Amino acid sequence: MTAALLQVAQIALVVLLAPLMTGLVRLIKARLLGRRGPPLLQPYRDLTRLLRKDAVLAANASWLFRAAPYFVFALTWLAASLVPGVTAVLALAPTADLIALIAILASARFLLALAGMDVGTSFGGIGSSREMLIAALAEPAMLMVTFTVALVAKSTSLSEIARFIIGGGVGLEVSLALALMAVLMVAIAENGRVPVDNPATHLELTMVHEAMVLEYSGRHLAMIEAASMLKLLTYASMIACIFVPWGMAVEATPHALLLGLVTYVAKLAAAAVLLAVFETSIAKMRVFRVAEFLGGALMLSLIATIVRLMSEGL
């Protein structure tokens, strides 16, 4: 019963914190650029404003175009709810598998790419093709990272991985350092952040994610924007769960849960600060160099797996 209640709290917490994390990234970026920037709670206001508006649909839009935003939001919300953040004592902990998590996020990406091509606009087709290019390199890199972590923790369950690392079962691991670098590169590409993409611009020559959702408006756009915020939080939570799980509650005691909540919020805030600093200190790369960027992530993850296998004498 406790695990079920904590799982419900986790489901509500991620959807509440996702806009706050996005707002913190935008605010810090604006301050670093010498601008006042939007208020911290502006993403909540934007989502509320979009939900109140009617959706404008193209004449040739099919049922897929209408349903895709809700499916994408639901799948991304599910993925965010599976990643242990505050505590590892969750009802869905047995299903919180890294491979399953990658598959859920891939399903959401697939539906959004189909919706981008549904209306038949040139922007939608360009965005969908670029998104699939990114996915073709990002997903193998994530799978290789999964294999590396599984070799270290002897499990692909996020809760078991967190418990193993918190318990001191791992020391200084070169393979985990390489895997962390690969995950960070994949997370930047998957969330459409600088230098891969810039969510604040609408330049047709560089758009990836924004090109797929140009035809959406109103409540449909609200669902997609909320899914994008949840995806950023999902990757931040996943990185924190695997590589820096210290502070996470492994027992359902009030003191441990309070410490886990404070630690989790602090980790998300730190991730937002680091992302904002990174984005303001680097220029956007050309679209054709994204393959090289993700190819580097794939090579790092592959080297991490090889290093781990060699260290075990296999």
C-alpha atoms as a PDB file:
ATOM      1  CA  MET A   1       0.000   0.000   0.000  1.00  0.00           C
ATOM      2  CA  THR A   2       2.859   2.380   0.814  1.00  0.00           C
ATOM      3  CA  ALA A   3       4.526   1.688  -2.525  1.00  0.00           C
ATOM      4  CA  ALA A   4       1.261   2.411  -4.344  1.00  0.00           C
ATOM      5  CA  LEU A   5       0.802   5.743  -2.553  1.00  0.00           C
ATOM      6  CA  LEU A   6       4.396   6.724  -3.250  1.00  0.00           C
ATOM      7  CA  GLN A   7       3.903   5.840  -6.914  1.00  0.00           C
ATOM      8  CA  VAL A   8       0.828   8.088  -7.121  1.00  0.00           C
ATOM      9  CA  ALA A   9       2.825  10.882  -5.476  1.00  0.00           C
ATOM     10  CA  GLN A  10       5.634  10.317  -7.996  1.00  0.00           C
ATOM     11  CA  ILE A  11       3.184  10.561 -10.913  1.00  0.00           C
ATOM     12  CA  ALA A  12       1.836  13.870  -9.614  1.00  0.00           C
ATOM     13  CA  LEU A  13       5.263  15.233  -8.681  1.00  0.00           C
ATOM     14  CA  VAL A  14       6.876  14.845 -12.088  1.00  0.00           C
ATOM     15  CA  VAL A  15       4.062  16.606 -13.930  1.00  0.00           C
ATOM     16  CA  LEU A  16       4.206  19.474 -11.428  1.00  0.00           C
ATOM     17  CA  LEU A  17       7.996  19.892 -11.473  1.00  0.00           C
ATOM     18  CA  ALA A  18       8.537  19.578 -15.237  1.00  0.00           C
ATOM     19  CA  PRO A  19       7.341  23.135 -16.133  1.00  0.00           C
ATOM     20  CA  LEU A  20       9.251  24.517 -13.152  1.00  0.00           C
ATOM     21  CA  MET A  21      12.501  22.978 -14.392  1.00  0.00           C
ATOM     22  CA  THR A  22      11.942  24.384 -17.876  1.00  0.00           C
ATOM     23  CA  GLY A  23      11.167  27.805 -16.420  1.00  0.00           C
ATOM     24  CA  LEU A  24      14.372  27.705 -14.371  1.00  0.00           C
ATOM     25  CA  VAL A  25      16.442  26.890 -17.468  1.00  0.00           C
ATOM     26  CA  ARG A  26      14.898  29.789 -19.401  1.00  0.00           C
ATOM     27  CA  LEU A  27      15.342  32.224 -16.511  1.00  0.00           C
ATOM     28  CA  ILE A  28      18.993  31.362 -15.939  1.00  0.00           C
ATOM     29  CA  LYS A  29      19.777  31.544 -19.661  1.00  0.00           C
ATOM     30  CA  ALA A  30      18.200  34.992 -19.852  1.00  0.00           C
ATOM     31  CA  ARG A  31      20.151  36.239 -16.843  1.00  0.00           C
ATOM     32  CA  LEU A  32      23.425  34.882 -18.273  1.00  0.00           C
ATOM     33  CA  LEU A  33      22.682  36.725 -21.525  1.00  0.00           C
ATOM     34  CA  GLY A  34      22.070  39.985 -19.661  1.00  0.00           C
ATOM     35  CA  ARG A  35      18.279  39.950 -20.062  1.00  0.00           C
ATOM     36  CA  ARG A  36      15.573  40.040 -17.439  1.00  0.00           C
ATOM     37  CA  GLY A  37      13.926  36.919 -18.796  1.00  0.00           C
ATOM     38  CA  PRO A  38      10.479  35.407 -18.200  1.00  0.00           C
ATOM     39  CA  PRO A  39       9.172  34.696 -14.693  1.00  0.00           C
ATOM     40  CA  LEU A  40       9.996  31.327 -13.190  1.00  0.00           C
ATOM     41  CA  LEU A  41       6.342  30.220 -13.372  1.00  0.00           C
ATOM     42  CA  GLN A  42       5.822  31.359 -16.964  1.00  0.00           C
ATOM     43  CA  PRO A  43       5.610  27.783 -18.376  1.00  0.00           C
ATOM     44  CA  TYR A  44       2.567  27.104 -16.164  1.00  0.00           C
ATOM     45  CA  ARG A  45       0.888  30.235 -17.527  1.00  0.00           C
ATOM     46  CA  ASP A  46       1.730  29.285 -21.113  1.00  0.00           C
ATOM     47  CA  LEU A  47       0.243  25.809 -20.711  1.00  0.00           C
ATOM     48  CA  THR A  48      -2.893  27.214 -19.061  1.00  0.00           C
ATOM     49  CA  ARG A  49      -3.320  29.767 -21.857  1.00  0.00           C
ATOM     50  CA  LEU A  50      -2.949  27.104 -24.557  1.00  0.00           C
ATOM     51  CA  LEU A  51      -5.394  24.747 -22.836  1.00  0.00           C
ATOM     52  CA  ARG A  52      -8.047  27.474 -22.924  1.00  0.00           C
ATOM     53  CA  LYS A  53      -7.686  27.969 -26.676  1.00  0.00           C
ATOM     54  CA  ASP A  54      -9.416  25.942 -29.375  1.00  0.00           C
ATOM     55  CA  ALA A  55      -7.289  23.801 -31.659  1.00  0.00           C
ATOM     56  CA  VAL A  56      -7.133  24.840 -35.323  1.00  0.00           C
ATOM     57  CA  LEU A  57      -6.893  21.783 -37.576  1.00  0.00           C
ATOM     58  CA  ALA A  58      -5.932  21.463 -41.219  1.00  0.00           C
ATOM     59  CA  ALA A  59      -8.656  20.269 -43.582  1.00  0.00           C
ATOM     60  CA  ASN A  60      -6.746  17.088 -44.449  1.00  0.00           C
ATOM     61  CA  ALA A  61      -5.705  16.224 -40.870  1.00  0.00           C
ATOM     62  CA  SER A  62      -6.510  12.630 -39.947  1.00  0.00           C
ATOM     63  CA  TRP A  63      -7.414  11.101 -36.588  1.00  0.00           C
ATOM     64  CA  LEU A  64      -3.716  10.448 -35.991  1.00  0.00           C
ATOM     65  CA  PHE A  65      -2.944  14.156 -36.070  1.00  0.00           C
ATOM     66  CA  ARG A  66      -5.646  14.779 -33.444  1.00  0.00           C
ATOM     67  CA  ALA A  67      -4.747  11.858 -31.180  1.00  0.00           C
ATOM     68  CA  ALA A  68      -0.941  12.039 -31.362  1.00  0.00           C
ATOM     69  CA  PRO A  69      -0.496  14.890 -28.795  1.00  0.00           C
ATOM     70  CA  TYR A  70      -2.422  12.982 -26.150  1.00  0.00           C
ATOM     71  CA  PHE A  71      -0.571   9.715 -26.795  1.00  0.00           C
ATOM     72  CA  VAL A  72       2.798  11.488 -26.805  1.00  0.00           C
ATOM     73  CA  PHE A  73       1.993  13.230 -23.520  1.00  0.00           C
ATOM     74  CA  ALA A  74       0.722  10.006 -21.913  1.00  0.00           C
ATOM     75  CA  LEU A  75       3.761   7.974 -22.967  1.00  0.00           C
ATOM     76  CA  THR A  76       6.206  10.646 -21.821  1.00  0.00           C
ATOM     77  CA  TRP A  77       4.371  11.034 -18.523  1.00  0.00           C
ATOM     78  CA  LEU A  78       4.551   7.259 -18.057  1.00  0.00           C
ATOM     79  CA  ALA A  79       8.297   7.283 -18.723  1.00  0.00           C
ATOM     80  CA  ALA A  80       8.842  10.118 -16.240  1.00  0.00           C
ATOM     81  CA  SER A  81       6.777   8.290 -13.613  1.00  0.00           C
ATOM     82  CA  LEU A  82       8.831   5.108 -13.955  1.00  0.00           C
ATOM     83  CA  VAL A  83      12.160   6.762 -13.135  1.00  0.00           C
ATOM     84  CA  PRO A  84      12.795   6.725  -9.359  1.00  0.00           C
ATOM     85  CA  GLY A  85      13.436  10.224  -8.113  1.00  0.00           C
ATOM     86  CA  VAL A  86      12.508  10.723  -4.482  1.00  0.00           C
ATOM     87  CA  THR A  87      12.468   7.053  -3.523  1.00  0.00           C
ATOM     88  CA  ALA A  88      13.150   3.626  -4.970  1.00  0.00           C
ATOM     89  CA  VAL A  89      10.138   2.189  -3.119  1.00  0.00           C
ATOM     90  CA  LEU A  90       7.595   2.443  -5.933  1.00  0.00           C
ATOM     91  CA  ALA A  91       4.770   0.141  -7.018  1.00  0.00           C
ATOM     92  CA  LEU A  92       5.993   0.229 -10.633  1.00  0.00           C
ATOM     93  CA  ALA A  93       9.623  -0.365  -9.671  1.00  0.00           C
ATOM     94  CA  PRO A  94       9.657  -3.904 -11.183  1.00  0.00           C
ATOM     95  CA  THR A  95       8.646  -2.424 -14.549  1.00  0.00           C
ATOM     96  CA  ALA A  96      11.064   0.535 -14.346  1.00  0.00           C
ATOM     97  CA  ASP A  97      13.531  -1.073 -16.734  1.00  0.00           C
ATOM     98  CA  LEU A  98      16.022   0.928 -18.778  1.00  0.00           C
ATOM     99  CA  ILE A  99      15.222  -0.955 -21.979  1.00  0.00           C
ATOM    100  CA  ALA A 100      11.482  -0.478 -21.440  1.00  0.00           C
ATOM    101  CA  LEU A 101      12.067   3.221 -20.751  1.00  0.00           C
ATOM    102  CA  ILE A 102      13.946   3.628 -24.036  1.00  0.00           C
ATOM    103  CA  ALA A 103      11.142   1.828 -25.857  1.00  0.00           C
ATOM    104  CA  ILE A 104       8.450   4.069 -24.337  1.00  0.00           C
ATOM    105  CA  LEU A 105      10.286   7.240 -25.331  1.00  0.00           C
ATOM    106  CA  ALA A 106      10.891   5.807 -28.806  1.00  0.00           C
ATOM    107  CA  SER A 107       7.152   5.128 -29.189  1.00  0.00           C
ATOM    108  CA  ALA A 108       6.345   8.737 -28.310  1.00  0.00           C
ATOM    109  CA  ARG A 109       8.934   9.958 -30.829  1.00  0.00           C
ATOM    110  CA  PHE A 110       7.510   7.665 -33.518  1.00  0.00           C
ATOM    111  CA  LEU A 111       3.969   8.979 -33.024  1.00  0.00           C
ATOM    112  CA  LEU A 112       5.125  12.596 -33.112  1.00  0.00           C
ATOM    113  CA  ALA A 113       7.065  11.984 -36.322  1.00  0.00           C
ATOM    114  CA  LEU A 114       4.004  10.406 -37.934  1.00  0.00           C
ATOM    115  CA  ALA A 115       1.878  13.364 -36.855  1.00  0.00           C
ATOM    116  CA  GLY A 116       4.438  15.752 -38.342  1.00  0.00           C
ATOM    117  CA  MET A 117       4.077  14.077 -41.746  1.00  0.00           C
ATOM    118  CA  ASP A 118       0.297  13.608 -41.546  1.00  0.00           C
ATOM    119  CA  VAL A 119      -0.741  17.033 -42.835  1.00  0.00           C
ATOM    120  CA  GLY A 120       1.787  16.892 -45.658  1.00  0.00           C
ATOM    121  CA  THR A 121       3.617  20.175 -45.077  1.00  0.00           C
ATOM    122  CA  SER A 122       7.264  20.511 -46.062  1.00  0.00           C
ATOM    123  CA  PHE A 123       8.291  21.603 -42.556  1.00  0.00           C
ATOM    124  CA  GLY A 124       6.641  18.557 -40.995  1.00  0.00           C
ATOM    125  CA  GLY A 125       8.436  16.197 -43.353  1.00  0.00           C
ATOM    126  CA  ILE A 126      11.805  17.860 -42.754  1.00  0.00           C
ATOM    127  CA  GLY A 127      11.379  17.774 -38.993  1.00  0.00           C
ATOM    128  CA  SER A 128      10.270  14.128 -38.976  1.00  0.00           C
ATOM    129  CA  SER A 129      13.171  12.992 -41.156  1.00  0.00           C
ATOM    130  CA  ARG A 130      15.680  14.829 -38.944  1.00  0.00           C
ATOM    131  CA  GLU A 131      14.075  13.385 -35.838  1.00  0.00           C
ATOM    132  CA  MET A 132      14.434   9.860 -37.201  1.00  0.00           C
ATOM    133  CA  LEU A 133      18.068  10.548 -38.058  1.00  0.00           C
ATOM    134  CA  ILE A 134      18.703  11.545 -34.464  1.00  0.00           C
ATOM    135  CA  ALA A 135      16.799   8.502 -33.188  1.00  0.00           C
ATOM    136  CA  ALA A 136      18.777   6.116 -35.401  1.00  0.00           C
ATOM    137  CA  LEU A 137      21.969   7.094 -33.564  1.00  0.00           C
ATOM    138  CA  ALA A 138      20.628   8.017 -30.117  1.00  0.00           C
ATOM    139  CA  GLU A 139      18.795   4.763 -29.418  1.00  0.00           C
ATOM    140  CA  PRO A 140      21.792   2.452 -30.090  1.00  0.00           C
ATOM    141  CA  ALA A 141      23.922   4.685 -27.863  1.00  0.00           C
ATOM    142  CA  MET A 142      21.370   4.423 -25.058  1.00  0.00           C
ATOM    143  CA  LEU A 143      21.192   0.647 -25.449  1.00  0.00           C
ATOM    144  CA  MET A 144      24.981   0.367 -25.195  1.00  0.00           C
ATOM    145  CA  VAL A 145      24.854   2.536 -22.059  1.00  0.00           C
ATOM    146  CA  THR A 146      22.208   0.170 -20.711  1.00  0.00           C
ATOM    147  CA  PHE A 147      24.471  -2.820 -21.325  1.00  0.00           C
ATOM    148  CA  THR A 148      27.358  -1.059 -19.563  1.00  0.00           C
ATOM    149  CA  VAL A 149      25.272  -0.192 -16.513  1.00  0.00           C
ATOM    150  CA  ALA A 150      23.780  -3.697 -16.456  1.00  0.00           C
ATOM    151  CA  LEU A 151      27.264  -5.218 -16.426  1.00  0.00           C
ATOM    152  CA  VAL A 152      28.141  -3.063 -13.422  1.00  0.00           C
ATOM    153  CA  ALA A 153      24.923  -3.412 -11.403  1.00  0.00           C
ATOM    154  CA  LYS A 154      23.867  -6.848 -12.735  1.00  0.00           C
ATOM    155  CA  SER A 155      20.410  -5.441 -13.482  1.00  0.00           C
ATOM    156  CA  THR A 156      18.591  -3.152 -15.889  1.00  0.00           C
ATOM    157  CA  SER A 157      16.039  -2.100 -13.267  1.00  0.00           C
ATOM    158  CA  LEU A 158      16.488   1.540 -12.315  1.00  0.00           C
ATOM    159  CA  SER A 159      15.557   0.898  -8.695  1.00  0.00           C
ATOM    160  CA  GLU A 160      18.051  -1.957  -8.401  1.00  0.00           C
ATOM    161  CA  ILE A 161      20.769   0.128 -10.070  1.00  0.00           C
ATOM    162  CA  ALA A 162      20.168   2.991  -7.629  1.00  0.00           C
ATOM    163  CA  ARG A 163      20.208   0.623  -4.635  1.00  0.00           C
ATOM    164  CA  PHE A 164      23.421  -1.003  -5.864  1.00  0.00           C
ATOM    165  CA  ILE A 165      25.290   2.291  -6.244  1.00  0.00           C
ATOM    166  CA  ILE A 166      23.939   3.758  -2.989  1.00  0.00           C
ATOM    167  CA  GLY A 167      25.037   0.596  -1.197  1.00  0.00           C
ATOM    168  CA  GLY A 168      28.645   1.183  -2.217  1.00  0.00           C
ATOM    169  CA  GLY A 169      28.745  -1.682  -4.658  1.00  0.00           C
ATOM    170  CA  VAL A 170      30.742   0.304  -7.190  1.00  0.00           C
ATOM    171  CA  GLY A 171      33.978   2.205  -6.908  1.00  0.00           C
ATOM    172  CA  LEU A 172      35.819   4.294  -9.463  1.00  0.00           C
ATOM    173  CA  GLU A 173      34.555   3.006 -12.826  1.00  0.00           C
ATOM    174  CA  VAL A 174      35.958   4.347 -16.088  1.00  0.00           C
ATOM    175  CA  SER A 175      33.133   2.626 -17.955  1.00  0.00           C
ATOM    176  CA  LEU A 176      30.499   4.558 -15.990  1.00  0.00           C
ATOM    177  CA  ALA A 177      32.290   7.853 -16.678  1.00  0.00           C
ATOM    178  CA  LEU A 178      32.243   7.124 -20.420  1.00  0.00           C
ATOM    179  CA  ALA A 179      28.610   6.045 -20.200  1.00  0.00           C
ATOM    180  CA  LEU A 180      27.736   9.297 -18.407  1.00  0.00           C
ATOM    181  CA  MET A 181      29.324  11.353 -21.190  1.00  0.00           C
ATOM    182  CA  ALA A 182      27.361   9.373 -23.789  1.00  0.00           C
ATOM    183  CA  VAL A 183      24.064   9.823 -21.921  1.00  0.00           C
ATOM    184  CA  LEU A 184      24.612  13.569 -21.609  1.00  0.00           C
ATOM    185  CA  MET A 185      25.187  13.871 -25.352  1.00  0.00           C
ATOM    186  CA  VAL A 186      22.101  11.788 -26.114  1.00  0.00           C
ATOM    187  CA  ALA A 187      19.989  13.787 -23.645  1.00  0.00           C
ATOM    188  CA  ILE A 188      20.983  17.057 -25.339  1.00  0.00           C
ATOM    189  CA  ALA A 189      20.056  15.680 -28.765  1.00  0.00           C
ATOM    190  CA  GLU A 190      16.829  13.997 -27.667  1.00  0.00           C
ATOM    191  CA  ASN A 191      15.529  17.157 -26.000  1.00  0.00           C
ATOM    192  CA  GLY A 192      16.457  19.396 -28.917  1.00  0.00           C
ATOM    193  CA  ARG A 193      18.830  21.568 -26.921  1.00  0.00           C
ATOM    194  CA  VAL A 194      21.815  23.607 -28.094  1.00  0.00           C
ATOM    195  CA  PRO A 195      24.059  22.701 -29.931  1.00  0.00           C
ATOM    196  CA  VAL A 196      21.796  20.165 -31.694  1.00  0.00           C
ATOM    197  CA  ASP A 197      18.663  22.323 -31.834  1.00  0.00           C
ATOM    198  CA  ASN A 198      17.399  25.564 -30.358  1.00  0.00           C
ATOM    199  CA  PRO A 199      13.827  25.406 -29.014  1.00  0.00           C
ATOM    200  CA  ALA A 200      13.663  29.218 -28.832  1.00  0.00           C
ATOM    201  CA  THR A 201      13.945  29.767 -32.605  1.00  0.00           C
ATOM    202  CA  HIS A 202      11.865  28.894 -35.668  1.00  0.00           C
ATOM    203  CA  LEU A 203      14.479  28.933 -38.427  1.00  0.00           C
ATOM    204  CA  GLU A 204      13.400  26.485 -41.109  1.00  0.00           C
ATOM    205  CA  LEU A 205      16.979  25.507 -41.960  1.00  0.00           C
ATOM    206  CA  THR A 206      17.775  24.349 -38.420  1.00  0.00           C
ATOM    207  CA  MET A 207      14.475  23.233 -36.875  1.00  0.00           C
ATOM    208  CA  VAL A 208      14.032  19.636 -35.751  1.00  0.00           C
ATOM    209  CA  HIS A 209      11.399  19.297 -33.042  1.00  0.00           C
ATOM    210  CA  GLU A 210       9.693  22.616 -33.726  1.00  0.00           C
ATOM    211  CA  ALA A 211       9.242  21.738 -37.405  1.00  0.00           C
ATOM    212  CA  MET A 212       7.055  18.753 -36.524  1.00  0.00           C
ATOM    213  CA  VAL A 213       4.672  20.747 -34.325  1.00  0.00           C
ATOM    214  CA  LEU A 214       4.224  23.933 -36.358  1.00  0.00           C
ATOM    215  CA  GLU A 215       0.697  22.896 -37.371  1.00  0.00           C
ATOM    216  CA  TYR A 216      -0.460  22.353 -33.810  1.00  0.00           C
ATOM    217  CA  SER A 217      -2.260  24.942 -31.711  1.00  0.00           C
ATOM    218  CA  GLY A 218      -4.447  25.260 -28.631  1.00  0.00           C
ATOM    219  CA  ARG A 219      -4.810  22.248 -26.365  1.00  0.00           C
ATOM    220  CA  HIS A 220      -2.919  20.011 -28.793  1.00  0.00           C
ATOM    221  CA  LEU A 221       0.127  22.272 -28.612  1.00  0.00           C
ATOM    222  CA  ALA A 222      -0.223  22.359 -24.820  1.00  0.00           C
ATOM    223  CA  MET A 223       0.030  18.572 -24.688  1.00  0.00           C
ATOM    224  CA  ILE A 224       3.138  18.572 -26.880  1.00  0.00           C
ATOM    225  CA  GLU A 225       4.818  21.348 -24.904  1.00  0.00           C
ATOM    226  CA  ALA A 226       4.045  19.565 -21.640  1.00  0.00           C
ATOM    227  CA  ALA A 227       5.453  16.326 -23.076  1.00  0.00           C
ATOM    228  CA  SER A 228       8.629  18.163 -24.063  1.00  0.00           C
ATOM    229  CA  MET A 229       9.025  19.489 -20.514  1.00  0.00           C
ATOM    230  CA  LEU A 230       8.416  16.025 -19.084  1.00  0.00           C
ATOM    231  CA  LYS A 231      11.005  14.525 -21.423  1.00  0.00           C
ATOM    232  CA  LEU A 232      13.653  16.949 -20.183  1.00  0.00           C
ATOM    233  CA  LEU A 233      12.811  16.048 -16.589  1.00  0.00           C
ATOM    234  CA  THR A 234      12.862  12.335 -17.470  1.00  0.00           C
ATOM    235  CA  TYR A 235      16.422  12.463 -18.760  1.00  0.00           C
ATOM    236  CA  ALA A 236      17.565  14.565 -15.799  1.00  0.00           C
ATOM    237  CA  SER A 237      15.935  12.103 -13.393  1.00  0.00           C
ATOM    238  CA  MET A 238      17.402   9.109 -15.220  1.00  0.00           C
ATOM    239  CA  ILE A 239      20.931  10.530 -15.105  1.00  0.00           C
ATOM    240  CA  ALA A 240      20.514  11.338 -11.408  1.00  0.00           C
ATOM    241  CA  CYS A 241      19.089   7.878 -10.673  1.00  0.00           C
ATOM    242  CA  ILE A 242      21.898   5.975 -12.402  1.00  0.00           C
ATOM    243  CA  PHE A 243      24.990   8.080 -11.782  1.00  0.00           C
ATOM    244  CA  VAL A 244      24.229  10.215  -8.675  1.00  0.00           C
ATOM    245  CA  PRO A 245      21.506   8.386  -6.737  1.00  0.00           C
ATOM    246  CA  TRP A 246      22.792   9.425  -3.306  1.00  0.00           C
ATOM    247  CA  GLY A 247      20.060  10.944  -1.185  1.00  0.00           C
ATOM    248  CA  MET A 248      17.310   8.831  -2.720  1.00  0.00           C
ATOM    249  CA  ALA A 249      15.145   7.099  -0.117  1.00  0.00           C
ATOM    250  CA  VAL A 250      15.541   3.315  -0.168  1.00  0.00           C
ATOM    251  CA  GLU A 251      13.149   2.905   2.753  1.00  0.00           C
ATOM    252  CA  ALA A 252       9.671   4.394   3.152  1.00  0.00           C
ATOM    253  CA  THR A 253      10.351   6.307   6.363  1.00  0.00           C
ATOM    254  CA  PRO A 254       9.266   9.949   6.771  1.00  0.00           C
ATOM    255  CA  HIS A 255      12.810  11.197   7.362  1.00  0.00           C
ATOM    256  CA  ALA A 256      14.208   9.319   4.354  1.00  0.00           C
ATOM    257  CA  LEU A 257      11.363  10.478   2.102  1.00  0.00           C
ATOM    258  CA  LEU A 258      11.806  14.126   3.135  1.00  0.00           C
ATOM    259  CA  LEU A 259      15.538  13.913   2.489  1.00  0.00           C
ATOM    260  CA  GLY A 260      14.846  12.217  -0.842  1.00  0.00           C
ATOM    261  CA  LEU A 261      12.425  14.969  -1.894  1.00  0.00           C
ATOM    262  CA  VAL A 262      14.866  17.758  -1.018  1.00  0.00           C
ATOM    263  CA  THR A 263      17.717  15.937  -2.750  1.00  0.00           C
ATOM    264  CA  TYR A 264      15.642  15.257  -5.860  1.00  0.00           C
ATOM    265  CA  VAL A 265      14.585  18.885  -6.229  1.00  0.00           C
ATOM    266  CA  ALA A 266      18.198  19.973  -5.695  1.00  0.00           C
ATOM    267  CA  LYS A 267      19.392  17.580  -8.415  1.00  0.00           C
ATOM    268  CA  LEU A 268      16.824  18.911 -10.887  1.00  0.00           C
ATOM    269  CA  ALA A 269      17.818  22.488 -10.051  1.00  0.00           C
ATOM    270  CA  ALA A 270      21.491  21.638 -10.538  1.00  0.00           C
ATOM    271  CA  ALA A 271      20.703  20.002 -13.879  1.00  0.00           C
ATOM    272  CA  ALA A 272      18.781  23.113 -14.977  1.00  0.00           C
ATOM    273  CA  VAL A 273      21.671  25.399 -14.003  1.00  0.00           C
ATOM    274  CA  LEU A 274      24.268  23.246 -15.771  1.00  0.00           C
ATOM    275  CA  LEU A 275      22.119  23.034 -18.906  1.00  0.00           C
ATOM    276  CA  ALA A 276      21.599  26.797 -19.011  1.00  0.00           C
ATOM    277  CA  VAL A 277      25.321  27.479 -18.548  1.00  0.00           C
ATOM    278  CA  PHE A 278      26.226  24.935 -21.235  1.00  0.00           C
ATOM    279  CA  GLU A 279      23.743  26.334 -23.756  1.00  0.00           C
ATOM    280  CA  THR A 280      24.940  29.906 -23.305  1.00  0.00           C
ATOM    281  CA  SER A 281      28.597  28.941 -23.676  1.00  0.00           C
ATOM    282  CA  ILE A 282      28.370  26.989 -26.929  1.00  0.00           C
ATOM    283  CA  ALA A 283      27.176  27.765 -30.452  1.00  0.00           C
ATOM    284  CA  LYS A 284      24.655  25.736 -32.384  1.00  0.00           C
ATOM    285  CA  MET A 285      26.157  23.264 -34.824  1.00  0.00           C
ATOM    286  CA  ARG A 286      25.058  22.649 -38.396  1.00  0.00           C
ATOM    287  CA  VAL A 287      22.340  20.055 -38.900  1.00  0.00           C
ATOM    288  CA  PHE A 288      24.660  17.852 -40.932  1.00  0.00           C
ATOM    289  CA  ARG A 289      27.076  17.616 -38.007  1.00  0.00           C
ATOM    290  CA  VAL A 290      24.466  16.178 -35.657  1.00  0.00           C
ATOM    291  CA  ALA A 291      25.254  12.705 -36.988  1.00  0.00           C
ATOM    292  CA  GLU A 292      28.913  13.188 -36.040  1.00  0.00           C
ATOM    293  CA  PHE A 293      27.887  14.431 -32.583  1.00  0.00           C
ATOM    294  CA  LEU A 294      25.698  11.391 -31.897  1.00  0.00           C
ATOM    295  CA  GLY A 295      28.221   9.123 -33.544  1.00  0.00           C
ATOM    296  CA  GLY A 296      30.631  10.266 -30.849  1.00  0.00           C
ATOM    297  CA  ALA A 297      28.063   9.358 -28.195  1.00  0.00           C
ATOM    298  CA  LEU A 298      27.662   5.909 -29.759  1.00  0.00           C
ATOM    299  CA  MET A 299      31.428   5.366 -29.800  1.00  0.00           C
ATOM    300  CA  LEU A 300      31.748   6.464 -26.167  1.00  0.00           C
ATOM    301  CA  SER A 301      29.020   4.056 -25.088  1.00  0.00           C
ATOM    302  CA  LEU A 302      30.595   1.240 -27.103  1.00  0.00           C
ATOM    303  CA  ILE A 303      34.014   1.907 -25.573  1.00  0.00           C
ATOM    304  CA  ALA A 304      32.385   1.948 -22.131  1.00  0.00           C
ATOM    305  CA  THR A 305      30.939  -1.508 -22.725  1.00  0.00           C
ATOM    306  CA  ILE A 306      34.264  -2.844 -24.028  1.00  0.00           C
ATOM    307  CA  VAL A 307      36.168  -1.390 -21.059  1.00  0.00           C
ATOM    308  CA  ARG A 308      33.718  -2.992 -18.636  1.00  0.00           C
ATOM    309  CA  LEU A 309      33.981  -6.364 -20.359  1.00  0.00           C
ATOM    310  CA  MET A 310      37.781  -6.193 -20.315  1.00  0.00           C
ATOM    311  CA  SER A 311      37.782  -5.261 -16.621  1.00  0.00           C
ATOM    312  CA  GLU A 312      35.747  -8.395 -15.896  1.00  0.00           C
ATOM    313  CA  GLY A 313      38.169 -10.518 -17.896  1.00  0.00           C
ATOM    314  CA  LEU A 314      35.576 -11.526 -20.517  1.00  0.00           C
END
